Amino acid sequence: MVPLKKGWNRVLVKSPSNNSARRWMFTFVPVLVNPKTPGCNVKEYPGLKFSTRPE
């Protein structure tokens, strides 16, 4: 779990930078989990904006 605060949140991603890892991929999606059915009822967190360069 990653705690988010109101406003922009910074997420640091460290990725491999060698030729053997050129197919490496990363995805970051904040989600809401229904506590009654964890892992079964997951949806994208509403109202969030994403940017590589926040204003």
PDB file of N, CA and C in Angstrom:
ATOM      1  N   MET A   1       0.841  -1.180   0.000  1.00  0.00           N
ATOM      2  CA  MET A   1       0.000   0.000   0.000  1.00  0.00           C
ATOM      3  C   MET A   1       0.890   1.248   0.000  1.00  0.00           C
ATOM      4  N   VAL A   2       0.449   2.246  -0.739  1.00  0.00           N
ATOM      5  CA  VAL A   2       1.167   3.513  -0.821  1.00  0.00           C
ATOM      6  C   VAL A   2       0.213   4.605  -0.351  1.00  0.00           C
ATOM      7  N   PRO A   3       0.544   5.306   0.731  1.00  0.00           N
ATOM      8  CA  PRO A   3      -0.346   6.375   1.182  1.00  0.00           C
ATOM      9  C   PRO A   3      -0.264   7.577   0.241  1.00  0.00           C
ATOM     10  N   LEU A   4      -1.421   8.122  -0.146  1.00  0.00           N
ATOM     11  CA  LEU A   4      -1.465   9.307  -0.995  1.00  0.00           C
ATOM     12  C   LEU A   4      -1.974  10.488  -0.192  1.00  0.00           C
ATOM     13  N   LYS A   5      -1.427  11.656  -0.483  1.00  0.00           N
ATOM     14  CA  LYS A   5      -1.893  12.871   0.178  1.00  0.00           C
ATOM     15  C   LYS A   5      -2.647  13.724  -0.839  1.00  0.00           C
ATOM     16  N   LYS A   6      -3.389  14.691  -0.377  1.00  0.00           N
ATOM     17  CA  LYS A   6      -4.116  15.578  -1.274  1.00  0.00           C
ATOM     18  C   LYS A   6      -3.118  16.400  -2.091  1.00  0.00           C
ATOM     19  N   GLY A   7      -3.422  16.597  -3.361  1.00  0.00           N
ATOM     20  CA  GLY A   7      -2.507  17.319  -4.250  1.00  0.00           C
ATOM     21  C   GLY A   7      -1.636  16.332  -5.012  1.00  0.00           C
ATOM     22  N   TRP A   8      -0.499  16.818  -5.498  1.00  0.00           N
ATOM     23  CA  TRP A   8       0.399  15.969  -6.285  1.00  0.00           C
ATOM     24  C   TRP A   8       1.225  15.087  -5.360  1.00  0.00           C
ATOM     25  N   ASN A   9       1.372  13.823  -5.727  1.00  0.00           N
ATOM     26  CA  ASN A   9       2.213  12.869  -5.021  1.00  0.00           C
ATOM     27  C   ASN A   9       3.308  12.425  -5.968  1.00  0.00           C
ATOM     28  N   ARG A  10       4.513  12.336  -5.467  1.00  0.00           N
ATOM     29  CA  ARG A  10       5.640  11.934  -6.300  1.00  0.00           C
ATOM     30  C   ARG A  10       5.899  10.439  -6.100  1.00  0.00           C
ATOM     31  N   VAL A  11       6.064   9.721  -7.213  1.00  0.00           N
ATOM     32  CA  VAL A  11       6.370   8.299  -7.175  1.00  0.00           C
ATOM     33  C   VAL A  11       7.693   8.096  -7.900  1.00  0.00           C
ATOM     34  N   LEU A  12       8.666   7.539  -7.206  1.00  0.00           N
ATOM     35  CA  LEU A  12       9.974   7.278  -7.802  1.00  0.00           C
ATOM     36  C   LEU A  12      10.013   5.843  -8.300  1.00  0.00           C
ATOM     37  N   VAL A  13      10.380   5.675  -9.557  1.00  0.00           N
ATOM     38  CA  VAL A  13      10.480   4.343 -10.153  1.00  0.00           C
ATOM     39  C   VAL A  13      11.926   4.113 -10.542  1.00  0.00           C
ATOM     40  N   LYS A  14      12.513   3.058 -10.015  1.00  0.00           N
ATOM     41  CA  LYS A  14      13.875   2.680 -10.409  1.00  0.00           C
ATOM     42  C   LYS A  14      13.756   1.510 -11.366  1.00  0.00           C
ATOM     43  N   SER A  15      14.346   1.654 -12.534  1.00  0.00           N
ATOM     44  CA  SER A  15      14.273   0.596 -13.534  1.00  0.00           C
ATOM     45  C   SER A  15      15.671   0.206 -13.993  1.00  0.00           C
ATOM     46  N   PRO A  16      15.832  -1.033 -14.449  1.00  0.00           N
ATOM     47  CA  PRO A  16      17.141  -1.470 -14.941  1.00  0.00           C
ATOM     48  C   PRO A  16      17.535  -0.693 -16.192  1.00  0.00           C
ATOM     49  N   SER A  17      18.818  -0.459 -16.347  1.00  0.00           N
ATOM     50  CA  SER A  17      19.266   0.309 -17.518  1.00  0.00           C
ATOM     51  C   SER A  17      20.377  -0.428 -18.262  1.00  0.00           C
ATOM     52  N   ASN A  18      20.210  -1.725 -18.439  1.00  0.00           N
ATOM     53  CA  ASN A  18      21.185  -2.467 -19.230  1.00  0.00           C
ATOM     54  C   ASN A  18      20.485  -3.133 -20.413  1.00  0.00           C
ATOM     55  N   ASN A  19      21.232  -3.615 -21.359  1.00  0.00           N
ATOM     56  CA  ASN A  19      20.658  -4.175 -22.587  1.00  0.00           C
ATOM     57  C   ASN A  19      19.827  -5.431 -22.344  1.00  0.00           C
ATOM     58  N   SER A  20      20.099  -6.184 -21.301  1.00  0.00           N
ATOM     59  CA  SER A  20      19.349  -7.411 -21.059  1.00  0.00           C
ATOM     60  C   SER A  20      17.955  -7.129 -20.505  1.00  0.00           C
ATOM     61  N   ALA A  21      17.691  -5.898 -20.095  1.00  0.00           N
ATOM     62  CA  ALA A  21      16.398  -5.554 -19.497  1.00  0.00           C
ATOM     63  C   ALA A  21      15.577  -4.642 -20.395  1.00  0.00           C
ATOM     64  N   ARG A  22      15.805  -4.645 -21.679  1.00  0.00           N
ATOM     65  CA  ARG A  22      15.130  -3.702 -22.564  1.00  0.00           C
ATOM     66  C   ARG A  22      13.636  -3.964 -22.711  1.00  0.00           C
ATOM     67  N   ARG A  23      13.167  -5.138 -22.309  1.00  0.00           N
ATOM     68  CA  ARG A  23      11.734  -5.433 -22.387  1.00  0.00           C
ATOM     69  C   ARG A  23      11.034  -5.202 -21.050  1.00  0.00           C
ATOM     70  N   TRP A  24      11.701  -4.583 -20.140  1.00  0.00           N
ATOM     71  CA  TRP A  24      11.162  -4.341 -18.809  1.00  0.00           C
ATOM     72  C   TRP A  24      10.064  -3.292 -18.881  1.00  0.00           C
ATOM     73  N   MET A  25       8.974  -3.465 -18.117  1.00  0.00           N
ATOM     74  CA  MET A  25       7.843  -2.541 -18.150  1.00  0.00           C
ATOM     75  C   MET A  25       7.357  -2.292 -16.724  1.00  0.00           C
ATOM     76  N   PHE A  26       6.789  -1.118 -16.503  1.00  0.00           N
ATOM     77  CA  PHE A  26       6.280  -0.765 -15.188  1.00  0.00           C
ATOM     78  C   PHE A  26       4.927  -0.089 -15.341  1.00  0.00           C
ATOM     79  N   THR A  27       3.983  -0.417 -14.461  1.00  0.00           N
ATOM     80  CA  THR A  27       2.673   0.223 -14.448  1.00  0.00           C
ATOM     81  C   THR A  27       2.338   0.601 -13.014  1.00  0.00           C
ATOM     82  N   PHE A  28       1.807   1.803 -12.834  1.00  0.00           N
ATOM     83  CA  PHE A  28       1.408   2.274 -11.509  1.00  0.00           C
ATOM     84  C   PHE A  28      -0.031   2.766 -11.609  1.00  0.00           C
ATOM     85  N   VAL A  29      -0.948   2.081 -10.939  1.00  0.00           N
ATOM     86  CA  VAL A  29      -2.357   2.459 -10.978  1.00  0.00           C
ATOM     87  C   VAL A  29      -2.917   2.416  -9.557  1.00  0.00           C
ATOM     88  N   PRO A  30      -3.231   3.577  -8.975  1.00  0.00           N
ATOM     89  CA  PRO A  30      -3.883   3.576  -7.656  1.00  0.00           C
ATOM     90  C   PRO A  30      -5.287   2.982  -7.777  1.00  0.00           C
ATOM     91  N   VAL A  31      -5.633   2.069  -6.898  1.00  0.00           N
ATOM     92  CA  VAL A  31      -6.923   1.396  -6.972  1.00  0.00           C
ATOM     93  C   VAL A  31      -7.652   1.427  -5.631  1.00  0.00           C
ATOM     94  N   LEU A  32      -8.959   1.244  -5.701  1.00  0.00           N
ATOM     95  CA  LEU A  32      -9.798   1.040  -4.529  1.00  0.00           C
ATOM     96  C   LEU A  32     -10.082  -0.451  -4.427  1.00  0.00           C
ATOM     97  N   VAL A  33      -9.958  -0.996  -3.223  1.00  0.00           N
ATOM     98  CA  VAL A  33     -10.222  -2.412  -3.005  1.00  0.00           C
ATOM     99  C   VAL A  33     -11.412  -2.535  -2.070  1.00  0.00           C
ATOM    100  N   ASN A  34     -12.365  -3.361  -2.455  1.00  0.00           N
ATOM    101  CA  ASN A  34     -13.519  -3.623  -1.603  1.00  0.00           C
ATOM    102  C   ASN A  34     -13.061  -4.562  -0.488  1.00  0.00           C
ATOM    103  N   PRO A  35     -13.081  -4.121   0.795  1.00  0.00           N
ATOM    104  CA  PRO A  35     -12.576  -4.965   1.887  1.00  0.00           C
ATOM    105  C   PRO A  35     -13.371  -6.257   2.085  1.00  0.00           C
ATOM    106  N   LYS A  36     -14.601  -6.289   1.581  1.00  0.00           N
ATOM    107  CA  LYS A  36     -15.418  -7.502   1.723  1.00  0.00           C
ATOM    108  C   LYS A  36     -14.986  -8.591   0.739  1.00  0.00           C
ATOM    109  N   THR A  37     -14.395  -8.176  -0.385  1.00  0.00           N
ATOM    110  CA  THR A  37     -13.935  -9.135  -1.396  1.00  0.00           C
ATOM    111  C   THR A  37     -12.555  -8.731  -1.910  1.00  0.00           C
ATOM    112  N   PRO A  38     -11.518  -8.753  -1.058  1.00  0.00           N
ATOM    113  CA  PRO A  38     -10.187  -8.308  -1.496  1.00  0.00           C
ATOM    114  C   PRO A  38      -9.667  -9.128  -2.670  1.00  0.00           C
ATOM    115  N   GLY A  39      -9.122  -8.433  -3.661  1.00  0.00           N
ATOM    116  CA  GLY A  39      -8.574  -9.080  -4.845  1.00  0.00           C
ATOM    117  C   GLY A  39      -9.606  -9.387  -5.917  1.00  0.00           C
ATOM    118  N   CYS A  40     -10.879  -9.321  -5.574  1.00  0.00           N
ATOM    119  CA  CYS A  40     -11.932  -9.662  -6.539  1.00  0.00           C
ATOM    120  C   CYS A  40     -12.652  -8.427  -7.063  1.00  0.00           C
ATOM    121  N   ASN A  41     -12.792  -7.421  -6.248  1.00  0.00           N
ATOM    122  CA  ASN A  41     -13.551  -6.230  -6.626  1.00  0.00           C
ATOM    123  C   ASN A  41     -12.632  -5.015  -6.519  1.00  0.00           C
ATOM    124  N   VAL A  42     -11.810  -4.806  -7.535  1.00  0.00           N
ATOM    125  CA  VAL A  42     -10.831  -3.720  -7.557  1.00  0.00           C
ATOM    126  C   VAL A  42     -11.188  -2.785  -8.691  1.00  0.00           C
ATOM    127  N   LYS A  43     -11.127  -1.465  -8.426  1.00  0.00           N
ATOM    128  CA  LYS A  43     -11.380  -0.499  -9.496  1.00  0.00           C
ATOM    129  C   LYS A  43     -10.426   0.681  -9.363  1.00  0.00           C
ATOM    130  N   GLU A  44     -10.223   1.392 -10.463  1.00  0.00           N
ATOM    131  CA  GLU A  44      -9.335   2.555 -10.465  1.00  0.00           C
ATOM    132  C   GLU A  44      -9.883   3.614  -9.518  1.00  0.00           C
ATOM    133  N   TYR A  45      -8.988   4.252  -8.788  1.00  0.00           N
ATOM    134  CA  TYR A  45      -9.384   5.282  -7.834  1.00  0.00           C
ATOM    135  C   TYR A  45      -9.950   6.484  -8.594  1.00  0.00           C
ATOM    136  N   PRO A  46     -11.166   6.940  -8.277  1.00  0.00           N
ATOM    137  CA  PRO A  46     -11.792   8.023  -9.042  1.00  0.00           C
ATOM    138  C   PRO A  46     -11.171   9.392  -8.754  1.00  0.00           C
ATOM    139  N   GLY A  47     -11.156  10.244  -9.777  1.00  0.00           N
ATOM    140  CA  GLY A  47     -10.756  11.639  -9.601  1.00  0.00           C
ATOM    141  C   GLY A  47      -9.273  11.920  -9.587  1.00  0.00           C
ATOM    142  N   LEU A  48      -8.424  10.925  -9.841  1.00  0.00           N
ATOM    143  CA  LEU A  48      -6.978  11.162  -9.832  1.00  0.00           C
ATOM    144  C   LEU A  48      -6.500  11.592 -11.212  1.00  0.00           C
ATOM    145  N   LYS A  49      -5.503  12.462 -11.233  1.00  0.00           N
ATOM    146  CA  LYS A  49      -4.873  12.910 -12.483  1.00  0.00           C
ATOM    147  C   LYS A  49      -3.452  12.418 -12.475  1.00  0.00           C
ATOM    148  N   PHE A  50      -2.950  12.050 -13.656  1.00  0.00           N
ATOM    149  CA  PHE A  50      -1.584  11.539 -13.790  1.00  0.00           C
ATOM    150  C   PHE A  50      -0.789  12.457 -14.711  1.00  0.00           C
ATOM    151  N   SER A  51       0.470  12.658 -14.380  1.00  0.00           N
ATOM    152  CA  SER A  51       1.341  13.466 -15.236  1.00  0.00           C
ATOM    153  C   SER A  51       2.781  13.121 -14.962  1.00  0.00           C
ATOM    154  N   THR A  52       3.620  13.148 -15.996  1.00  0.00           N
ATOM    155  CA  THR A  52       5.053  12.984 -15.782  1.00  0.00           C
ATOM    156  C   THR A  52       5.683  14.316 -15.391  1.00  0.00           C
ATOM    157  N   ARG A  53       4.941  15.412 -15.613  1.00  0.00           N
ATOM    158  CA  ARG A  53       5.399  16.750 -15.240  1.00  0.00           C
ATOM    159  C   ARG A  53       4.223  17.533 -14.656  1.00  0.00           C
ATOM    160  N   PRO A  54       3.954  17.372 -13.350  1.00  0.00           N
ATOM    161  CA  PRO A  54       2.806  18.062 -12.748  1.00  0.00           C
ATOM    162  C   PRO A  54       2.964  19.569 -12.753  1.00  0.00           C
ATOM    163  N   GLU A  55       1.855  20.253 -12.892  1.00  0.00           N
ATOM    164  CA  GLU A  55       1.873  21.724 -12.937  1.00  0.00           C
ATOM    165  C   GLU A  55       1.628  22.298 -11.558  1.00  0.00           C
TER     166      GLU A  55
END
